[in-house]
């Protein structure tokens, strides 16, 4: 069930990250949502690897938003080329 919560938090985190990140964002709704989910999963597994979260514990909302912002910036850099 924790993976479902990670995906749901990632969905919302992607939308919040897009609203927070400055600049013109050409990514559509679906791409932003997928990047948010990937950011949430990235924050979860990176936090577990660093010992911040125990196994089975998902990343918090703020960490998910930060992970989504990082991925949105990377997506923008890749997309620009």
Protein backbone atom coordinates (compact mmCIF):
# COMPACT_ATOMS: atom_id res chain seq x y z
CA UNK A 1 0.00 0.00 0.00
CA UNK A 2 2.96 2.34 0.55
CA UNK A 3 3.72 2.43 -3.19
CA UNK A 4 0.15 3.60 -3.85
CA UNK A 5 0.58 6.46 -1.37
CA UNK A 6 3.92 7.33 -2.96
CA UNK A 7 2.24 7.56 -6.37
CA UNK A 8 -0.66 9.66 -5.04
CA UNK A 9 1.68 12.03 -3.21
CA UNK A 10 3.85 12.19 -6.33
CA UNK A 11 0.83 13.17 -8.43
CA UNK A 12 0.10 16.15 -6.19
CA UNK A 13 3.80 16.92 -5.72
CA UNK A 14 4.27 17.19 -9.49
CA UNK A 15 1.51 19.74 -9.75
CA UNK A 16 2.86 21.74 -6.81
CA UNK A 17 6.43 21.55 -8.16
CA UNK A 18 5.29 22.90 -11.51
CA UNK A 19 3.57 25.80 -9.79
CA UNK A 20 6.63 26.55 -7.63
CA UNK A 21 9.36 26.16 -10.28
CA UNK A 22 10.05 29.47 -12.00
CA UNK A 23 10.16 29.87 -15.75
CA UNK A 24 8.09 28.78 -18.70
CA UNK A 25 7.23 25.11 -18.43
CA UNK A 26 6.34 23.49 -21.72
CA UNK A 27 5.57 20.09 -20.18
CA UNK A 28 1.96 19.03 -20.34
CA UNK A 29 -0.25 17.80 -17.53
CA UNK A 30 0.57 14.12 -18.02
CA UNK A 31 4.34 14.69 -18.27
CA UNK A 32 4.26 16.88 -15.16
CA UNK A 33 2.31 14.21 -13.29
CA UNK A 34 4.71 11.45 -14.34
CA UNK A 35 7.70 13.58 -13.35
CA UNK A 36 6.05 14.21 -9.97
CA UNK A 37 5.52 10.50 -9.41
CA UNK A 38 9.13 9.81 -10.44
CA UNK A 39 10.31 12.57 -8.08
CA UNK A 40 8.36 11.05 -5.23
CA UNK A 41 9.81 7.61 -5.93
CA UNK A 42 13.29 9.14 -6.20
CA UNK A 43 12.89 10.92 -2.86
CA UNK A 44 11.58 7.74 -1.24
CA UNK A 45 14.38 5.47 -2.41
CA UNK A 46 17.13 8.08 -1.92
CA UNK A 47 15.87 8.73 1.62
CA UNK A 48 15.81 5.01 2.38
CA UNK A 49 19.34 4.61 0.98
CA UNK A 50 20.59 7.48 3.16
CA UNK A 51 18.84 6.12 6.25
CA UNK A 52 16.33 8.94 6.57
CA UNK A 53 13.36 6.58 6.13
CA UNK A 54 12.94 2.99 7.17
CA UNK A 55 12.03 0.26 4.70
CA UNK A 56 8.44 0.60 3.58
CA UNK A 57 8.22 4.21 4.74
CA UNK A 58 7.60 6.73 1.98
CA UNK A 59 9.06 10.17 1.59
CA UNK A 60 7.13 13.09 2.94
CA UNK A 61 5.32 15.63 0.83
CA UNK A 62 8.08 18.24 0.96
CA UNK A 63 10.76 15.74 -0.07
CA UNK A 64 8.52 14.58 -2.91
CA UNK A 65 8.06 18.16 -4.13
CA UNK A 66 11.83 18.73 -3.99
CA UNK A 67 12.43 15.52 -5.95
CA UNK A 68 9.87 16.59 -8.54
CA UNK A 69 11.45 20.05 -8.85
CA UNK A 70 14.86 18.48 -9.45
CA UNK A 71 13.43 16.23 -12.15
CA UNK A 72 11.50 19.13 -13.74
CA UNK A 73 14.70 21.17 -13.97
CA UNK A 74 16.53 18.21 -15.52
CA UNK A 75 13.63 17.65 -17.93
CA UNK A 76 13.76 21.31 -18.94
CA UNK A 77 17.51 21.10 -19.59
CA UNK A 78 17.14 17.98 -21.69
CA UNK A 79 14.08 19.25 -23.54
CA UNK A 80 15.80 22.55 -24.42
CA UNK A 81 18.53 20.80 -26.44
